[in-house]
């Protein structure tokens, strides 16, 4: 009986991390898309830049799915709560850093593209 309670409590705590990561991934994808669309639209982006946005969003979605799978596997790994919390914070920092940096990468690209092609 005690083993059943401990396993269900452990599984519930780990599942909370995976669900939270999934929510953060969805929010990061929305922020990434909005940043790219706004920057390209404000810089007078051409069709080539808009197609680049589509490719970048697709790449972000693939990378996000990879991170989601990582957390599904971590759920079943049996790591301690402290180990999961440390990995979760590190992954969240990396996710949001790459979301903001990736969205802002369109600024220099759009400026160069506009200078070259008007």
PDB file of N, CA and C in Angstrom:
ATOM      1  N   UNK A   1       0.824  -1.196   0.000  1.00  0.00           N
ATOM      2  CA  UNK A   1       0.000   0.000   0.000  1.00  0.00           C
ATOM      3  C   UNK A   1       0.864   1.255   0.000  1.00  0.00           C
ATOM      4  N   UNK A   2       1.910   1.288   0.849  1.00  0.00           N
ATOM      5  CA  UNK A   2       2.776   2.473   0.923  1.00  0.00           C
ATOM      6  C   UNK A   2       3.528   2.668  -0.388  1.00  0.00           C
ATOM      7  N   UNK A   3       3.930   1.577  -1.029  1.00  0.00           N
ATOM      8  CA  UNK A   3       4.651   1.694  -2.298  1.00  0.00           C
ATOM      9  C   UNK A   3       3.747   2.300  -3.370  1.00  0.00           C
ATOM     10  N   UNK A   4       2.490   1.931  -3.349  1.00  0.00           N
ATOM     11  CA  UNK A   4       1.549   2.474  -4.320  1.00  0.00           C
ATOM     12  C   UNK A   4       1.359   3.969  -4.116  1.00  0.00           C
ATOM     13  N   UNK A   5       1.236   4.407  -2.875  1.00  0.00           N
ATOM     14  CA  UNK A   5       1.057   5.825  -2.574  1.00  0.00           C
ATOM     15  C   UNK A   5       2.306   6.601  -2.978  1.00  0.00           C
ATOM     16  N   UNK A   6       3.498   6.081  -2.654  1.00  0.00           N
ATOM     17  CA  UNK A   6       4.733   6.775  -2.996  1.00  0.00           C
ATOM     18  C   UNK A   6       4.920   6.871  -4.506  1.00  0.00           C
ATOM     19  N   UNK A   7       4.614   5.807  -5.228  1.00  0.00           N
ATOM     20  CA  UNK A   7       4.764   5.830  -6.681  1.00  0.00           C
ATOM     21  C   UNK A   7       3.795   6.808  -7.328  1.00  0.00           C
ATOM     22  N   UNK A   8       2.565   6.854  -6.835  1.00  0.00           N
ATOM     23  CA  UNK A   8       1.607   7.778  -7.434  1.00  0.00           C
ATOM     24  C   UNK A   8       1.953   9.218  -7.099  1.00  0.00           C
ATOM     25  N   UNK A   9       2.456   9.467  -5.898  1.00  0.00           N
ATOM     26  CA  UNK A   9       2.856  10.831  -5.539  1.00  0.00           C
ATOM     27  C   UNK A   9       4.063  11.257  -6.366  1.00  0.00           C
ATOM     28  N   UNK A  10       5.015  10.366  -6.563  1.00  0.00           N
ATOM     29  CA  UNK A  10       6.205  10.675  -7.355  1.00  0.00           C
ATOM     30  C   UNK A  10       5.820  10.925  -8.799  1.00  0.00           C
ATOM     31  N   UNK A  11       4.973  10.077  -9.334  1.00  0.00           N
ATOM     32  CA  UNK A  11       4.555  10.236 -10.719  1.00  0.00           C
ATOM     33  C   UNK A  11       3.777  11.533 -10.914  1.00  0.00           C
ATOM     34  N   UNK A  12       2.941  11.900  -9.964  1.00  0.00           N
ATOM     35  CA  UNK A  12       2.183  13.135 -10.066  1.00  0.00           C
ATOM     36  C   UNK A  12       3.091  14.351 -10.043  1.00  0.00           C
ATOM     37  N   UNK A  13       4.110  14.325  -9.211  1.00  0.00           N
ATOM     38  CA  UNK A  13       5.042  15.446  -9.152  1.00  0.00           C
ATOM     39  C   UNK A  13       5.841  15.581 -10.427  1.00  0.00           C
ATOM     40  N   UNK A  14       6.248  14.457 -10.998  1.00  0.00           N
ATOM     41  CA  UNK A  14       7.020  14.507 -12.233  1.00  0.00           C
ATOM     42  C   UNK A  14       6.137  14.917 -13.401  1.00  0.00           C
ATOM     43  N   UNK A  15       4.918  14.442 -13.415  1.00  0.00           N
ATOM     44  CA  UNK A  15       4.026  14.802 -14.503  1.00  0.00           C
ATOM     45  C   UNK A  15       3.746  16.305 -14.486  1.00  0.00           C
ATOM     46  N   UNK A  16       3.775  16.896 -13.303  1.00  0.00           N
ATOM     47  CA  UNK A  16       3.547  18.333 -13.217  1.00  0.00           C
ATOM     48  C   UNK A  16       4.637  19.088 -13.967  1.00  0.00           C
ATOM     49  N   UNK A  17       5.875  18.602 -13.901  1.00  0.00           N
ATOM     50  CA  UNK A  17       6.968  19.253 -14.622  1.00  0.00           C
ATOM     51  C   UNK A  17       6.756  19.147 -16.132  1.00  0.00           C
ATOM     52  N   UNK A  18       6.376  18.003 -16.607  1.00  0.00           N
ATOM     53  CA  UNK A  18       6.184  17.811 -18.048  1.00  0.00           C
ATOM     54  C   UNK A  18       5.027  18.670 -18.562  1.00  0.00           C
ATOM     55  N   UNK A  19       3.952  18.744 -17.802  1.00  0.00           N
ATOM     56  CA  UNK A  19       2.812  19.559 -18.215  1.00  0.00           C
ATOM     57  C   UNK A  19       3.166  21.043 -18.184  1.00  0.00           C
ATOM     58  N   UNK A  20       3.932  21.452 -17.175  1.00  0.00           N
ATOM     59  CA  UNK A  20       4.349  22.848 -17.104  1.00  0.00           C
ATOM     60  C   UNK A  20       5.275  23.182 -18.262  1.00  0.00           C
ATOM     61  N   UNK A  21       6.176  22.265 -18.609  1.00  0.00           N
ATOM     62  CA  UNK A  21       7.082  22.505 -19.731  1.00  0.00           C
ATOM     63  C   UNK A  21       6.285  22.617 -21.026  1.00  0.00           C
ATOM     64  N   UNK A  22       5.278  21.784 -21.182  1.00  0.00           N
ATOM     65  CA  UNK A  22       4.442  21.841 -22.370  1.00  0.00           C
ATOM     66  C   UNK A  22       3.732  23.196 -22.473  1.00  0.00           C
ATOM     67  N   UNK A  23       3.260  23.713 -21.355  1.00  0.00           N
ATOM     68  CA  UNK A  23       2.615  25.025 -21.347  1.00  0.00           C
ATOM     69  C   UNK A  23       3.603  26.126 -21.707  1.00  0.00           C
ATOM     70  N   UNK A  24       4.811  26.042 -21.171  1.00  0.00           N
ATOM     71  CA  UNK A  24       5.840  27.029 -21.498  1.00  0.00           C
ATOM     72  C   UNK A  24       6.224  26.958 -22.976  1.00  0.00           C
ATOM     73  N   UNK A  25       6.286  25.755 -23.520  1.00  0.00           N
ATOM     74  CA  UNK A  25       6.605  25.595 -24.941  1.00  0.00           C
ATOM     75  C   UNK A  25       5.539  26.240 -25.820  1.00  0.00           C
ATOM     76  N   UNK A  26       4.290  26.056 -25.465  1.00  0.00           N
ATOM     77  CA  UNK A  26       3.209  26.665 -26.241  1.00  0.00           C
ATOM     78  C   UNK A  26       3.288  28.191 -26.174  1.00  0.00           C
ATOM     79  N   UNK A  27       3.517  28.724 -24.985  1.00  0.00           N
ATOM     80  CA  UNK A  27       3.621  30.179 -24.838  1.00  0.00           C
ATOM     81  C   UNK A  27       4.847  30.711 -25.576  1.00  0.00           C
ATOM     82  N   UNK A  28       5.965  29.989 -25.511  1.00  0.00           N
ATOM     83  CA  UNK A  28       7.186  30.419 -26.191  1.00  0.00           C
ATOM     84  C   UNK A  28       6.995  30.413 -27.703  1.00  0.00           C
ATOM     85  N   UNK A  29       6.268  29.434 -28.215  1.00  0.00           N
ATOM     86  CA  UNK A  29       6.008  29.387 -29.656  1.00  0.00           C
ATOM     87  C   UNK A  29       5.172  30.590 -30.097  1.00  0.00           C
ATOM     88  N   UNK A  30       4.189  30.950 -29.304  1.00  0.00           N
ATOM     89  CA  UNK A  30       3.364  32.117 -29.628  1.00  0.00           C
ATOM     90  C   UNK A  30       4.210  33.392 -29.598  1.00  0.00           C
ATOM     91  N   UNK A  31       5.033  33.562 -28.562  1.00  0.00           N
ATOM     92  CA  UNK A  31       5.893  34.745 -28.455  1.00  0.00           C
ATOM     93  C   UNK A  31       6.871  34.788 -29.616  1.00  0.00           C
ATOM     94  N   UNK A  32       7.477  33.648 -29.950  1.00  0.00           N
ATOM     95  CA  UNK A  32       8.424  33.568 -31.059  1.00  0.00           C
ATOM     96  C   UNK A  32       7.756  33.985 -32.373  1.00  0.00           C
ATOM     97  N   UNK A  33       6.574  33.463 -32.623  1.00  0.00           N
ATOM     98  CA  UNK A  33       5.836  33.814 -33.854  1.00  0.00           C
ATOM     99  C   UNK A  33       5.508  35.298 -33.896  1.00  0.00           C
ATOM    100  N   UNK A  34       4.998  35.826 -32.800  1.00  0.00           N
ATOM    101  CA  UNK A  34       4.628  37.237 -32.770  1.00  0.00           C
ATOM    102  C   UNK A  34       5.836  38.147 -32.964  1.00  0.00           C
ATOM    103  N   UNK A  35       6.942  37.824 -32.314  1.00  0.00           N
ATOM    104  CA  UNK A  35       8.151  38.623 -32.486  1.00  0.00           C
ATOM    105  C   UNK A  35       8.584  38.650 -33.946  1.00  0.00           C
ATOM    106  N   UNK A  36       8.602  37.489 -34.567  1.00  0.00           N
ATOM    107  CA  UNK A  36       9.042  37.419 -35.955  1.00  0.00           C
ATOM    108  C   UNK A  36       8.094  38.171 -36.880  1.00  0.00           C
ATOM    109  N   UNK A  37       6.827  37.984 -36.709  1.00  0.00           N
ATOM    110  CA  UNK A  37       5.847  38.628 -37.584  1.00  0.00           C
ATOM    111  C   UNK A  37       5.900  40.138 -37.423  1.00  0.00           C
ATOM    112  N   UNK A  38       5.957  40.626 -36.189  1.00  0.00           N
ATOM    113  CA  UNK A  38       5.990  42.063 -35.948  1.00  0.00           C
ATOM    114  C   UNK A  38       7.267  42.670 -36.513  1.00  0.00           C
ATOM    115  N   UNK A  39       8.402  42.032 -36.277  1.00  0.00           N
ATOM    116  CA  UNK A  39       9.672  42.590 -36.752  1.00  0.00           C
ATOM    117  C   UNK A  39       9.717  42.612 -38.270  1.00  0.00           C
ATOM    118  N   UNK A  40       9.326  41.537 -38.904  1.00  0.00           N
ATOM    119  CA  UNK A  40       9.356  41.499 -40.368  1.00  0.00           C
ATOM    120  C   UNK A  40       8.350  42.492 -40.948  1.00  0.00           C
ATOM    121  N   UNK A  41       7.185  42.621 -40.349  1.00  0.00           N
ATOM    122  CA  UNK A  41       6.183  43.563 -40.848  1.00  0.00           C
ATOM    123  C   UNK A  41       6.640  45.008 -40.660  1.00  0.00           C
ATOM    124  N   UNK A  42       7.245  45.320 -39.526  1.00  0.00           N
ATOM    125  CA  UNK A  42       7.682  46.690 -39.243  1.00  0.00           C
ATOM    126  C   UNK A  42       8.873  47.095 -40.104  1.00  0.00           C
ATOM    127  N   UNK A  43       9.683  46.144 -40.521  1.00  0.00           N
ATOM    128  CA  UNK A  43      10.847  46.478 -41.348  1.00  0.00           C
ATOM    129  C   UNK A  43      10.515  46.419 -42.831  1.00  0.00           C
ATOM    130  N   UNK A  44       9.257  46.248 -43.164  1.00  0.00           N
ATOM    131  CA  UNK A  44       8.853  46.226 -44.568  1.00  0.00           C
ATOM    132  C   UNK A  44       9.346  44.986 -45.272  1.00  0.00           C
ATOM    133  N   UNK A  45       9.154  43.851 -44.629  1.00  0.00           N
ATOM    134  CA  UNK A  45       9.659  42.588 -45.154  1.00  0.00           C
ATOM    135  C   UNK A  45       9.066  42.192 -46.487  1.00  0.00           C
ATOM    136  N   UNK A  46       9.872  41.530 -47.268  1.00  0.00           N
ATOM    137  CA  UNK A  46       9.433  41.049 -48.575  1.00  0.00           C
ATOM    138  C   UNK A  46       8.894  39.630 -48.444  1.00  0.00           C
ATOM    139  N   UNK A  47       8.530  39.068 -49.562  1.00  0.00           N
ATOM    140  CA  UNK A  47       8.017  37.705 -49.582  1.00  0.00           C
ATOM    141  C   UNK A  47       9.077  36.714 -49.100  1.00  0.00           C
ATOM    142  N   UNK A  48      10.342  36.968 -49.455  1.00  0.00           N
ATOM    143  CA  UNK A  48      11.430  36.074 -49.038  1.00  0.00           C
ATOM    144  C   UNK A  48      11.536  36.039 -47.515  1.00  0.00           C
ATOM    145  N   UNK A  49      11.448  37.206 -46.872  1.00  0.00           N
ATOM    146  CA  UNK A  49      11.506  37.247 -45.409  1.00  0.00           C
ATOM    147  C   UNK A  49      10.302  36.568 -44.783  1.00  0.00           C
ATOM    148  N   UNK A  50       9.133  36.719 -45.388  1.00  0.00           N
ATOM    149  CA  UNK A  50       7.945  36.049 -44.853  1.00  0.00           C
ATOM    150  C   UNK A  50       8.066  34.534 -44.996  1.00  0.00           C
ATOM    151  N   UNK A  51       8.634  34.073 -46.080  1.00  0.00           N
ATOM    152  CA  UNK A  51       8.877  32.630 -46.220  1.00  0.00           C
ATOM    153  C   UNK A  51       9.908  32.156 -45.199  1.00  0.00           C
ATOM    154  N   UNK A  52      10.893  33.005 -44.913  1.00  0.00           N
ATOM    155  CA  UNK A  52      11.869  32.684 -43.872  1.00  0.00           C
ATOM    156  C   UNK A  52      11.226  32.550 -42.505  1.00  0.00           C
ATOM    157  N   UNK A  53      10.236  33.386 -42.240  1.00  0.00           N
ATOM    158  CA  UNK A  53       9.500  33.302 -40.975  1.00  0.00           C
ATOM    159  C   UNK A  53       8.792  31.951 -40.865  1.00  0.00           C
ATOM    160  N   UNK A  54       8.194  31.511 -41.953  1.00  0.00           N
ATOM    161  CA  UNK A  54       7.502  30.215 -41.943  1.00  0.00           C
ATOM    162  C   UNK A  54       8.485  29.084 -41.647  1.00  0.00           C
ATOM    163  N   UNK A  55       9.648  29.128 -42.273  1.00  0.00           N
ATOM    164  CA  UNK A  55      10.670  28.098 -42.044  1.00  0.00           C
ATOM    165  C   UNK A  55      11.166  28.150 -40.594  1.00  0.00           C
ATOM    166  N   UNK A  56      11.394  29.360 -40.071  1.00  0.00           N
ATOM    167  CA  UNK A  56      11.872  29.502 -38.694  1.00  0.00           C
ATOM    168  C   UNK A  56      10.848  28.986 -37.686  1.00  0.00           C
ATOM    169  N   UNK A  57       9.591  29.261 -37.920  1.00  0.00           N
ATOM    170  CA  UNK A  57       8.538  28.779 -37.016  1.00  0.00           C
ATOM    171  C   UNK A  57       8.462  27.254 -37.063  1.00  0.00           C
ATOM    172  N   UNK A  58       8.598  26.692 -38.254  1.00  0.00           N
ATOM    173  CA  UNK A  58       8.619  25.231 -38.364  1.00  0.00           C
ATOM    174  C   UNK A  58       9.807  24.624 -37.630  1.00  0.00           C
ATOM    175  N   UNK A  59      10.968  25.255 -37.751  1.00  0.00           N
ATOM    176  CA  UNK A  59      12.147  24.771 -37.024  1.00  0.00           C
ATOM    177  C   UNK A  59      11.970  24.869 -35.527  1.00  0.00           C
ATOM    178  N   UNK A  60      11.371  25.958 -35.071  1.00  0.00           N
ATOM    179  CA  UNK A  60      11.115  26.125 -33.646  1.00  0.00           C
ATOM    180  C   UNK A  60      10.153  25.052 -33.150  1.00  0.00           C
ATOM    181  N   UNK A  61       9.133  24.752 -33.937  1.00  0.00           N
ATOM    182  CA  UNK A  61       8.153  23.733 -33.536  1.00  0.00           C
ATOM    183  C   UNK A  61       8.806  22.355 -33.422  1.00  0.00           C
ATOM    184  N   UNK A  62       9.709  22.037 -34.336  1.00  0.00           N
ATOM    185  CA  UNK A  62      10.417  20.749 -34.274  1.00  0.00           C
ATOM    186  C   UNK A  62      11.296  20.687 -33.025  1.00  0.00           C
ATOM    187  N   UNK A  63      12.018  21.776 -32.752  1.00  0.00           N
ATOM    188  CA  UNK A  63      12.869  21.809 -31.560  1.00  0.00           C
ATOM    189  C   UNK A  63      12.027  21.734 -30.283  1.00  0.00           C
ATOM    190  N   UNK A  64      10.884  22.391 -30.281  1.00  0.00           N
ATOM    191  CA  UNK A  64      10.002  22.357 -29.110  1.00  0.00           C
ATOM    192  C   UNK A  64       9.476  20.947 -28.871  1.00  0.00           C
ATOM    193  N   UNK A  65       9.155  20.244 -29.942  1.00  0.00           N
ATOM    194  CA  UNK A  65       8.677  18.862 -29.782  1.00  0.00           C
ATOM    195  C   UNK A  65       9.778  17.973 -29.220  1.00  0.00           C
ATOM    196  N   UNK A  66      11.011  18.231 -29.619  1.00  0.00           N
ATOM    197  CA  UNK A  66      12.134  17.479 -29.063  1.00  0.00           C
ATOM    198  C   UNK A  66      12.283  17.707 -27.568  1.00  0.00           C
ATOM    199  N   UNK A  67      12.118  18.957 -27.132  1.00  0.00           N
ATOM    200  CA  UNK A  67      12.192  19.261 -25.703  1.00  0.00           C
ATOM    201  C   UNK A  67      11.023  18.634 -24.954  1.00  0.00           C
ATOM    202  N   UNK A  68       9.865  18.617 -25.587  1.00  0.00           N
ATOM    203  CA  UNK A  68       8.698  17.989 -24.951  1.00  0.00           C
ATOM    204  C   UNK A  68       8.921  16.483 -24.781  1.00  0.00           C
ATOM    205  N   UNK A  69       9.496  15.847 -25.778  1.00  0.00           N
ATOM    206  CA  UNK A  69       9.809  14.418 -25.660  1.00  0.00           C
ATOM    207  C   UNK A  69      10.827  14.168 -24.566  1.00  0.00           C
ATOM    208  N   UNK A  70      11.804  15.065 -24.428  1.00  0.00           N
ATOM    209  CA  UNK A  70      12.812  14.938 -23.371  1.00  0.00           C
ATOM    210  C   UNK A  70      12.128  14.910 -22.014  1.00  0.00           C
ATOM    211  N   UNK A  71      11.144  15.791 -21.820  1.00  0.00           N
ATOM    212  CA  UNK A  71      10.474  15.831 -20.531  1.00  0.00           C
ATOM    213  C   UNK A  71       9.536  14.650 -20.330  1.00  0.00           C
ATOM    214  N   UNK A  72       9.004  14.100 -21.383  1.00  0.00           N
ATOM    215  CA  UNK A  72       8.220  12.870 -21.251  1.00  0.00           C
ATOM    216  C   UNK A  72       9.114  11.729 -20.788  1.00  0.00           C
ATOM    217  N   UNK A  73      10.344  11.674 -21.326  1.00  0.00           N
ATOM    218  CA  UNK A  73      11.285  10.629 -20.901  1.00  0.00           C
ATOM    219  C   UNK A  73      11.772  10.872 -19.473  1.00  0.00           C
ATOM    220  N   UNK A  74      11.986  12.129 -19.108  1.00  0.00           N
ATOM    221  CA  UNK A  74      12.425  12.431 -17.749  1.00  0.00           C
ATOM    222  C   UNK A  74      11.360  12.053 -16.724  1.00  0.00           C
ATOM    223  N   UNK A  75      10.085  12.097 -17.135  1.00  0.00           N
ATOM    224  CA  UNK A  75       9.007  11.688 -16.231  1.00  0.00           C
ATOM    225  C   UNK A  75       9.174  10.244 -15.773  1.00  0.00           C
ATOM    226  N   UNK A  76       9.653   9.424 -16.677  1.00  0.00           N
ATOM    227  CA  UNK A  76       9.758   8.000 -16.386  1.00  0.00           C
ATOM    228  C   UNK A  76      11.165   7.587 -15.965  1.00  0.00           C
ATOM    229  N   UNK A  77      12.058   8.547 -15.756  1.00  0.00           N
ATOM    230  CA  UNK A  77      13.450   8.218 -15.458  1.00  0.00           C
ATOM    231  C   UNK A  77      13.694   7.900 -13.990  1.00  0.00           C
ATOM    232  N   UNK A  78      12.825   8.332 -13.112  1.00  0.00           N
ATOM    233  CA  UNK A  78      13.004   8.058 -11.698  1.00  0.00           C
ATOM    234  C   UNK A  78      13.982   9.006 -11.026  1.00  0.00           C
ATOM    235  N   UNK A  79      14.233  10.157 -11.617  1.00  0.00           N
ATOM    236  CA  UNK A  79      15.123  11.143 -11.006  1.00  0.00           C
ATOM    237  C   UNK A  79      14.459  11.740  -9.772  1.00  0.00           C
ATOM    238  N   UNK A  80      15.297  12.260  -8.884  1.00  0.00           N
ATOM    239  CA  UNK A  80      14.762  12.882  -7.674  1.00  0.00           C
ATOM    240  C   UNK A  80      14.054  14.186  -8.030  1.00  0.00           C
ATOM    241  N   UNK A  81      13.248  14.656  -7.111  1.00  0.00           N
ATOM    242  CA  UNK A  81      12.513  15.907  -7.325  1.00  0.00           C
ATOM    243  C   UNK A  81      13.471  17.078  -7.486  1.00  0.00           C
ATOM    244  N   UNK A  82      14.567  17.055  -6.721  1.00  0.00           N
ATOM    245  CA  UNK A  82      15.554  18.140  -6.838  1.00  0.00           C
ATOM    246  C   UNK A  82      16.244  18.110  -8.190  1.00  0.00           C
ATOM    247  N   UNK A  83      16.567  16.923  -8.673  1.00  0.00           N
ATOM    248  CA  UNK A  83      17.196  16.791  -9.989  1.00  0.00           C
ATOM    249  C   UNK A  83      16.281  17.269 -11.103  1.00  0.00           C
ATOM    250  N   UNK A  84      15.007  16.929 -10.996  1.00  0.00           N
ATOM    251  CA  UNK A  84      14.042  17.391 -11.993  1.00  0.00           C
ATOM    252  C   UNK A  84      13.856  18.901 -11.927  1.00  0.00           C
ATOM    253  N   UNK A  85      13.788  19.452 -10.728  1.00  0.00           N
ATOM    254  CA  UNK A  85      13.599  20.899 -10.579  1.00  0.00           C
ATOM    255  C   UNK A  85      14.779  21.657 -11.165  1.00  0.00           C
ATOM    256  N   UNK A  86      15.996  21.170 -10.954  1.00  0.00           N
ATOM    257  CA  UNK A  86      17.177  21.820 -11.508  1.00  0.00           C
ATOM    258  C   UNK A  86      17.166  21.782 -13.035  1.00  0.00           C
ATOM    259  N   UNK A  87      16.858  20.629 -13.596  1.00  0.00           N
ATOM    260  CA  UNK A  87      16.781  20.496 -15.056  1.00  0.00           C
ATOM    261  C   UNK A  87      15.651  21.357 -15.635  1.00  0.00           C
ATOM    262  N   UNK A  88      14.549  21.422 -14.905  1.00  0.00           N
ATOM    263  CA  UNK A  88      13.410  22.212 -15.360  1.00  0.00           C
ATOM    264  C   UNK A  88      13.770  23.696 -15.442  1.00  0.00           C
ATOM    265  N   UNK A  89      14.398  24.213 -14.388  1.00  0.00           N
ATOM    266  CA  UNK A  89      14.785  25.625 -14.401  1.00  0.00           C
ATOM    267  C   UNK A  89      15.795  25.914 -15.508  1.00  0.00           C
ATOM    268  N   UNK A  90      16.756  25.013 -15.706  1.00  0.00           N
ATOM    269  CA  UNK A  90      17.751  25.206 -16.757  1.00  0.00           C
ATOM    270  C   UNK A  90      17.090  25.193 -18.135  1.00  0.00           C
ATOM    271  N   UNK A  91      16.202  24.245 -18.365  1.00  0.00           N
ATOM    272  CA  UNK A  91      15.526  24.165 -19.660  1.00  0.00           C
ATOM    273  C   UNK A  91      14.619  25.364 -19.902  1.00  0.00           C
ATOM    274  N   UNK A  92      13.961  25.848 -18.847  1.00  0.00           N
ATOM    275  CA  UNK A  92      13.114  27.035 -18.997  1.00  0.00           C
ATOM    276  C   UNK A  92      13.947  28.257 -19.368  1.00  0.00           C
ATOM    277  N   UNK A  93      15.084  28.433 -18.701  1.00  0.00           N
ATOM    278  CA  UNK A  93      15.952  29.560 -19.021  1.00  0.00           C
ATOM    279  C   UNK A  93      16.411  29.492 -20.467  1.00  0.00           C
ATOM    280  N   UNK A  94      16.850  28.317 -20.907  1.00  0.00           N
ATOM    281  CA  UNK A  94      17.308  28.159 -22.283  1.00  0.00           C
ATOM    282  C   UNK A  94      16.161  28.380 -23.278  1.00  0.00           C
ATOM    283  N   UNK A  95      14.989  27.856 -22.965  1.00  0.00           N
ATOM    284  CA  UNK A  95      13.835  28.013 -23.850  1.00  0.00           C
ATOM    285  C   UNK A  95      13.503  29.480 -24.066  1.00  0.00           C
ATOM    286  N   UNK A  96      13.373  30.236 -22.987  1.00  0.00           N
ATOM    287  CA  UNK A  96      12.981  31.633 -23.121  1.00  0.00           C
ATOM    288  C   UNK A  96      14.106  32.489 -23.692  1.00  0.00           C
ATOM    289  N   UNK A  97      15.343  32.153 -23.377  1.00  0.00           N
ATOM    290  CA  UNK A  97      16.467  32.889 -23.966  1.00  0.00           C
ATOM    291  C   UNK A  97      16.486  32.700 -25.480  1.00  0.00           C
ATOM    292  N   UNK A  98      16.344  31.463 -25.927  1.00  0.00           N
ATOM    293  CA  UNK A  98      16.350  31.208 -27.371  1.00  0.00           C
ATOM    294  C   UNK A  98      15.108  31.758 -28.052  1.00  0.00           C
ATOM    295  N   UNK A  99      14.003  31.814 -27.349  1.00  0.00           N
ATOM    296  CA  UNK A  99      12.785  32.396 -27.920  1.00  0.00           C
ATOM    297  C   UNK A  99      12.992  33.874 -28.223  1.00  0.00           C
ATOM    298  N   UNK A 100      13.515  34.608 -27.254  1.00  0.00           N
ATOM    299  CA  UNK A 100      13.730  36.045 -27.432  1.00  0.00           C
ATOM    300  C   UNK A 100      14.859  36.304 -28.431  1.00  0.00           C
ATOM    301  N   UNK A 101      15.984  35.619 -28.273  1.00  0.00           N
ATOM    302  CA  UNK A 101      17.119  35.815 -29.176  1.00  0.00           C
ATOM    303  C   UNK A 101      16.747  35.419 -30.602  1.00  0.00           C
ATOM    304  N   UNK A 102      16.077  34.290 -30.754  1.00  0.00           N
ATOM    305  CA  UNK A 102      15.674  33.828 -32.086  1.00  0.00           C
ATOM    306  C   UNK A 102      14.732  34.782 -32.776  1.00  0.00           C
ATOM    307  N   UNK A 103      13.809  35.366 -32.024  1.00  0.00           N
ATOM    308  CA  UNK A 103      12.889  36.337 -32.601  1.00  0.00           C
ATOM    309  C   UNK A 103      13.588  37.623 -32.999  1.00  0.00           C
ATOM    310  N   UNK A 104      14.566  38.017 -32.213  1.00  0.00           N
ATOM    311  CA  UNK A 104      15.290  39.257 -32.496  1.00  0.00           C
ATOM    312  C   UNK A 104      16.324  39.117 -33.616  1.00  0.00           C
ATOM    313  N   UNK A 105      16.649  37.904 -34.000  1.00  0.00           N
ATOM    314  CA  UNK A 105      17.618  37.713 -35.079  1.00  0.00           C
ATOM    315  C   UNK A 105      17.117  38.251 -36.413  1.00  0.00           C
ATOM    316  N   UNK A 106      15.812  38.468 -36.514  1.00  0.00           N
ATOM    317  CA  UNK A 106      15.278  39.020 -37.750  1.00  0.00           C
ATOM    318  C   UNK A 106      15.632  40.487 -37.919  1.00  0.00           C
ATOM    319  N   UNK A 107      15.932  41.191 -36.841  1.00  0.00           N
ATOM    320  CA  UNK A 107      16.264  42.616 -36.963  1.00  0.00           C
ATOM    321  C   UNK A 107      17.473  42.852 -37.863  1.00  0.00           C
ATOM    322  N   UNK A 108      18.651  42.291 -37.563  1.00  0.00           N
ATOM    323  CA  UNK A 108      19.788  42.545 -38.465  1.00  0.00           C
ATOM    324  C   UNK A 108      19.574  41.962 -39.856  1.00  0.00           C
ATOM    325  N   UNK A 109      18.920  40.820 -39.930  1.00  0.00           N
ATOM    326  CA  UNK A 109      18.673  40.210 -41.235  1.00  0.00           C
ATOM    327  C   UNK A 109      17.753  41.086 -42.090  1.00  0.00           C
ATOM    328  N   UNK A 110      16.715  41.618 -41.489  1.00  0.00           N
ATOM    329  CA  UNK A 110      15.790  42.488 -42.229  1.00  0.00           C
ATOM    330  C   UNK A 110      16.463  43.790 -42.632  1.00  0.00           C
ATOM    331  N   UNK A 111      17.307  44.336 -41.765  1.00  0.00           N
ATOM    332  CA  UNK A 111      18.021  45.576 -42.092  1.00  0.00           C
ATOM    333  C   UNK A 111      18.979  45.349 -43.254  1.00  0.00           C
ATOM    334  N   UNK A 112      19.722  44.267 -43.223  1.00  0.00           N
ATOM    335  CA  UNK A 112      20.655  43.946 -44.318  1.00  0.00           C
ATOM    336  C   UNK A 112      19.886  43.688 -45.614  1.00  0.00           C
ATOM    337  N   UNK A 113      18.815  42.921 -45.530  1.00  0.00           N
ATOM    338  CA  UNK A 113      18.018  42.609 -46.714  1.00  0.00           C
ATOM    339  C   UNK A 113      17.449  43.880 -47.331  1.00  0.00           C
ATOM    340  N   UNK A 114      16.972  44.783 -46.462  1.00  0.00           N
ATOM    341  CA  UNK A 114      16.390  46.043 -46.959  1.00  0.00           C
ATOM    342  C   UNK A 114      17.462  46.932 -47.567  1.00  0.00           C
ATOM    343  N   UNK A 115      18.664  46.941 -46.988  1.00  0.00           N
ATOM    344  CA  UNK A 115      19.748  47.769 -47.536  1.00  0.00           C
ATOM    345  C   UNK A 115      20.199  47.246 -48.902  1.00  0.00           C
ATOM    346  N   UNK A 116      20.204  45.933 -49.053  1.00  0.00           N
ATOM    347  CA  UNK A 116      20.644  45.348 -50.320  1.00  0.00           C
ATOM    348  C   UNK A 116      19.604  45.455 -51.420  1.00  0.00           C
ATOM    349  N   UNK A 117      18.347  45.200 -51.071  1.00  0.00           N
ATOM    350  CA  UNK A 117      17.307  45.102 -52.087  1.00  0.00           C
ATOM    351  C   UNK A 117      16.261  46.207 -52.042  1.00  0.00           C
ATOM    352  N   UNK A 118      16.417  47.142 -51.135  1.00  0.00           N
ATOM    353  CA  UNK A 118      15.500  48.289 -51.063  1.00  0.00           C
ATOM    354  C   UNK A 118      14.228  47.942 -50.529  1.00  0.00           C
TER     355      UNK A 118
END
